[in-house]
Amino acid sequence: MTTFVSLIIIAVGLAMVIKSEAIYDFFGSVAWAEKYLGAEGGSRLFYKLLGILIIALTFMYWAGILQNILVWIFGPAGMFFGKK
């Protein structure tokens, strides 16, 4: 089941990268992206980057890397300060 759901999420991320213009037409522009990612096309770039992030996070989850990173970030305080 996890593999099936992961493939669906990867497909959604891929669709965001490929069809960023259609997503832009449906949702409109993102003011923050237009300001900081470029005057024209900042929102399209934002949608593409979001799709790539979704794909990368899904692959990391699939490989088991994401869980290790989350435990390292949100784990016990001893992990940050070298205490056991």
N, C-alpha and C. Protein backbone atom coordinates (compact mmCIF):
# COMPACT_ATOMS: atom_id res chain seq x y z
N MET A 1 0.82 -1.19 0.00
CA MET A 1 0.00 0.00 0.00
C MET A 1 0.86 1.26 0.00
N THR A 2 1.95 1.24 0.76
CA THR A 2 2.83 2.40 0.82
C THR A 2 3.43 2.70 -0.54
N THR A 3 3.80 1.68 -1.27
CA THR A 3 4.37 1.87 -2.60
C THR A 3 3.35 2.50 -3.54
N PHE A 4 2.11 2.04 -3.48
CA PHE A 4 1.07 2.57 -4.34
C PHE A 4 0.81 4.04 -4.04
N VAL A 5 0.69 4.38 -2.77
CA VAL A 5 0.45 5.78 -2.38
C VAL A 5 1.65 6.64 -2.76
N SER A 6 2.86 6.12 -2.57
CA SER A 6 4.06 6.88 -2.94
C SER A 6 4.10 7.16 -4.44
N LEU A 7 3.74 6.18 -5.24
CA LEU A 7 3.71 6.39 -6.69
C LEU A 7 2.67 7.43 -7.08
N ILE A 8 1.54 7.45 -6.41
CA ILE A 8 0.52 8.47 -6.69
C ILE A 8 1.04 9.86 -6.33
N ILE A 9 1.70 9.98 -5.18
CA ILE A 9 2.23 11.28 -4.77
C ILE A 9 3.33 11.74 -5.72
N ILE A 10 4.18 10.82 -6.17
CA ILE A 10 5.21 11.16 -7.14
C ILE A 10 4.56 11.62 -8.45
N ALA A 11 3.48 10.97 -8.86
CA ALA A 11 2.77 11.37 -10.08
C ALA A 11 2.18 12.77 -9.93
N VAL A 12 1.68 13.09 -8.75
CA VAL A 12 1.14 14.43 -8.51
C VAL A 12 2.26 15.47 -8.59
N GLY A 13 3.40 15.17 -7.99
CA GLY A 13 4.54 16.09 -8.07
C GLY A 13 5.03 16.26 -9.50
N LEU A 14 5.07 15.17 -10.24
CA LEU A 14 5.48 15.25 -11.65
C LEU A 14 4.48 16.07 -12.46
N ALA A 15 3.20 15.89 -12.19
CA ALA A 15 2.19 16.68 -12.88
C ALA A 15 2.33 18.16 -12.55
N MET A 16 2.71 18.48 -11.31
CA MET A 16 2.92 19.88 -10.94
C MET A 16 4.08 20.49 -11.73
N VAL A 17 5.11 19.70 -11.95
CA VAL A 17 6.26 20.20 -12.69
C VAL A 17 5.91 20.37 -14.17
N ILE A 18 5.21 19.39 -14.73
CA ILE A 18 4.91 19.42 -16.16
C ILE A 18 3.80 20.42 -16.48
N LYS A 19 2.77 20.47 -15.66
CA LYS A 19 1.59 21.29 -15.94
C LYS A 19 1.52 22.52 -15.03
N SER A 20 2.65 23.17 -14.82
CA SER A 20 2.66 24.34 -13.94
C SER A 20 1.82 25.49 -14.51
N GLU A 21 1.74 25.59 -15.81
CA GLU A 21 0.91 26.65 -16.42
C GLU A 21 -0.56 26.43 -16.12
N ALA A 22 -1.03 25.19 -16.20
CA ALA A 22 -2.43 24.90 -15.88
C ALA A 22 -2.72 25.15 -14.40
N ILE A 23 -1.76 24.80 -13.54
CA ILE A 23 -1.94 25.08 -12.11
C ILE A 23 -1.97 26.57 -11.86
N TYR A 24 -1.12 27.31 -12.56
CA TYR A 24 -1.12 28.77 -12.45
C TYR A 24 -2.46 29.35 -12.90
N ASP A 25 -3.01 28.85 -13.98
CA ASP A 25 -4.30 29.33 -14.46
C ASP A 25 -5.42 29.02 -13.47
N PHE A 26 -5.33 27.89 -12.79
CA PHE A 26 -6.39 27.49 -11.87
C PHE A 26 -6.29 28.22 -10.53
N PHE A 27 -5.08 28.27 -9.95
CA PHE A 27 -4.91 28.86 -8.62
C PHE A 27 -4.52 30.33 -8.66
N GLY A 28 -3.95 30.79 -9.75
CA GLY A 28 -3.53 32.18 -9.84
C GLY A 28 -2.11 32.37 -9.36
N SER A 29 -1.72 33.62 -9.25
CA SER A 29 -0.34 33.92 -8.89
C SER A 29 -0.17 33.90 -7.37
N VAL A 30 1.07 33.68 -6.97
CA VAL A 30 1.46 33.71 -5.57
C VAL A 30 2.28 34.98 -5.40
N ALA A 31 1.79 35.91 -4.59
CA ALA A 31 2.43 37.22 -4.47
C ALA A 31 3.87 37.09 -3.97
N TRP A 32 4.09 36.22 -2.99
CA TRP A 32 5.43 36.04 -2.46
C TRP A 32 6.38 35.54 -3.55
N ALA A 33 5.93 34.59 -4.35
CA ALA A 33 6.77 34.03 -5.40
C ALA A 33 7.04 35.06 -6.48
N GLU A 34 6.06 35.85 -6.82
CA GLU A 34 6.27 36.88 -7.84
C GLU A 34 7.28 37.92 -7.36
N LYS A 35 7.27 38.21 -6.06
CA LYS A 35 8.18 39.22 -5.52
C LYS A 35 9.61 38.70 -5.43
N TYR A 36 9.78 37.47 -4.96
CA TYR A 36 11.13 36.98 -4.66
C TYR A 36 11.71 36.01 -5.69
N LEU A 37 10.90 35.43 -6.55
CA LEU A 37 11.41 34.46 -7.52
C LEU A 37 11.44 34.98 -8.95
N GLY A 38 11.10 36.21 -9.15
CA GLY A 38 11.14 36.79 -10.49
C GLY A 38 9.88 37.57 -10.79
N ALA A 39 9.99 38.56 -11.64
CA ALA A 39 8.85 39.42 -11.93
C ALA A 39 7.78 38.67 -12.71
N GLU A 40 8.13 38.08 -13.82
CA GLU A 40 7.18 37.29 -14.61
C GLU A 40 7.55 35.83 -14.48
N GLY A 41 6.62 35.02 -14.10
CA GLY A 41 6.88 33.60 -14.02
C GLY A 41 7.35 33.11 -12.66
N GLY A 42 7.33 33.95 -11.66
CA GLY A 42 7.75 33.53 -10.33
C GLY A 42 6.81 32.49 -9.74
N SER A 43 5.52 32.65 -10.03
CA SER A 43 4.54 31.68 -9.52
C SER A 43 4.70 30.34 -10.23
N ARG A 44 4.98 30.36 -11.50
CA ARG A 44 5.19 29.12 -12.24
C ARG A 44 6.42 28.38 -11.71
N LEU A 45 7.48 29.14 -11.43
CA LEU A 45 8.67 28.55 -10.85
C LEU A 45 8.38 27.98 -9.47
N PHE A 46 7.57 28.68 -8.68
CA PHE A 46 7.19 28.19 -7.36
C PHE A 46 6.45 26.87 -7.46
N TYR A 47 5.51 26.77 -8.39
CA TYR A 47 4.77 25.51 -8.55
C TYR A 47 5.69 24.38 -9.00
N LYS A 48 6.65 24.67 -9.86
CA LYS A 48 7.60 23.65 -10.28
C LYS A 48 8.50 23.22 -9.11
N LEU A 49 8.99 24.18 -8.34
CA LEU A 49 9.83 23.85 -7.20
C LEU A 49 9.06 23.06 -6.15
N LEU A 50 7.80 23.38 -5.95
CA LEU A 50 6.96 22.64 -5.02
C LEU A 50 6.78 21.20 -5.49
N GLY A 51 6.58 21.01 -6.78
CA GLY A 51 6.47 19.67 -7.34
C GLY A 51 7.75 18.86 -7.16
N ILE A 52 8.90 19.50 -7.39
CA ILE A 52 10.18 18.82 -7.20
C ILE A 52 10.39 18.48 -5.73
N LEU A 53 10.01 19.37 -4.82
CA LEU A 53 10.12 19.10 -3.39
C LEU A 53 9.24 17.92 -2.98
N ILE A 54 8.03 17.85 -3.52
CA ILE A 54 7.14 16.73 -3.22
C ILE A 54 7.76 15.42 -3.70
N ILE A 55 8.32 15.43 -4.90
CA ILE A 55 8.95 14.22 -5.43
C ILE A 55 10.14 13.82 -4.58
N ALA A 56 10.99 14.77 -4.22
CA ALA A 56 12.18 14.46 -3.43
C ALA A 56 11.81 13.92 -2.05
N LEU A 57 10.85 14.55 -1.39
CA LEU A 57 10.44 14.09 -0.06
C LEU A 57 9.81 12.70 -0.12
N THR A 58 9.08 12.43 -1.18
CA THR A 58 8.47 11.10 -1.32
C THR A 58 9.53 10.03 -1.53
N PHE A 59 10.52 10.30 -2.37
CA PHE A 59 11.61 9.35 -2.56
C PHE A 59 12.39 9.14 -1.26
N MET A 60 12.59 10.23 -0.50
CA MET A 60 13.29 10.10 0.78
C MET A 60 12.48 9.26 1.76
N TYR A 61 11.18 9.43 1.77
CA TYR A 61 10.32 8.62 2.63
C TYR A 61 10.35 7.16 2.20
N TRP A 62 10.28 6.96 0.91
CA TRP A 62 10.29 5.62 0.35
C TRP A 62 11.57 4.86 0.70
N ALA A 63 12.70 5.57 0.70
CA ALA A 63 13.99 4.96 1.00
C ALA A 63 14.28 4.88 2.50
N GLY A 64 13.47 5.52 3.31
CA GLY A 64 13.66 5.49 4.75
C GLY A 64 14.58 6.58 5.28
N ILE A 65 14.99 7.47 4.41
CA ILE A 65 15.90 8.55 4.82
C ILE A 65 15.14 9.64 5.57
N LEU A 66 13.94 9.94 5.15
CA LEU A 66 13.17 11.03 5.75
C LEU A 66 12.90 10.76 7.23
N GLN A 67 12.61 9.52 7.59
CA GLN A 67 12.34 9.18 8.97
C GLN A 67 13.57 9.46 9.84
N ASN A 68 14.76 9.10 9.34
CA ASN A 68 15.99 9.35 10.09
C ASN A 68 16.23 10.84 10.28
N ILE A 69 15.96 11.62 9.26
CA ILE A 69 16.15 13.07 9.37
C ILE A 69 15.17 13.66 10.38
N LEU A 70 13.92 13.22 10.34
CA LEU A 70 12.93 13.75 11.28
C LEU A 70 13.25 13.36 12.72
N VAL A 71 13.75 12.15 12.93
CA VAL A 71 14.16 11.75 14.27
C VAL A 71 15.34 12.58 14.73
N TRP A 72 16.27 12.87 13.82
CA TRP A 72 17.42 13.69 14.18
C TRP A 72 17.00 15.11 14.55
N ILE A 73 16.04 15.67 13.82
CA ILE A 73 15.59 17.04 14.08
C ILE A 73 14.71 17.12 15.32
N PHE A 74 13.72 16.24 15.41
CA PHE A 74 12.72 16.34 16.47
C PHE A 74 12.92 15.33 17.59
N GLY A 75 14.04 14.60 17.56
CA GLY A 75 14.30 13.58 18.57
C GLY A 75 14.64 14.19 19.92
N PRO A 76 15.10 13.37 20.83
CA PRO A 76 15.47 13.87 22.16
C PRO A 76 16.55 14.94 22.07
N ALA A 77 16.56 15.82 23.05
CA ALA A 77 17.52 16.92 23.04
C ALA A 77 18.95 16.42 23.12
N GLY A 78 19.15 15.24 23.64
CA GLY A 78 20.50 14.69 23.75
C GLY A 78 21.17 14.50 22.41
N MET A 79 20.39 14.31 21.36
CA MET A 79 20.98 14.12 20.04
C MET A 79 21.64 15.40 19.55
N PHE A 80 21.11 16.55 19.95
CA PHE A 80 21.67 17.82 19.49
C PHE A 80 22.93 18.20 20.26
N PHE A 81 22.98 17.80 21.53
CA PHE A 81 24.07 18.24 22.38
C PHE A 81 25.09 17.15 22.68
N GLY A 82 24.96 16.00 22.03
CA GLY A 82 25.91 14.93 22.20
C GLY A 82 25.78 14.16 23.49
N LYS A 83 24.68 14.33 24.21
CA LYS A 83 24.46 13.60 25.46
C LYS A 83 23.75 12.29 25.17
N LYS A 84 23.97 11.32 26.01
CA LYS A 84 23.29 10.02 25.83
C LYS A 84 22.31 9.79 26.93
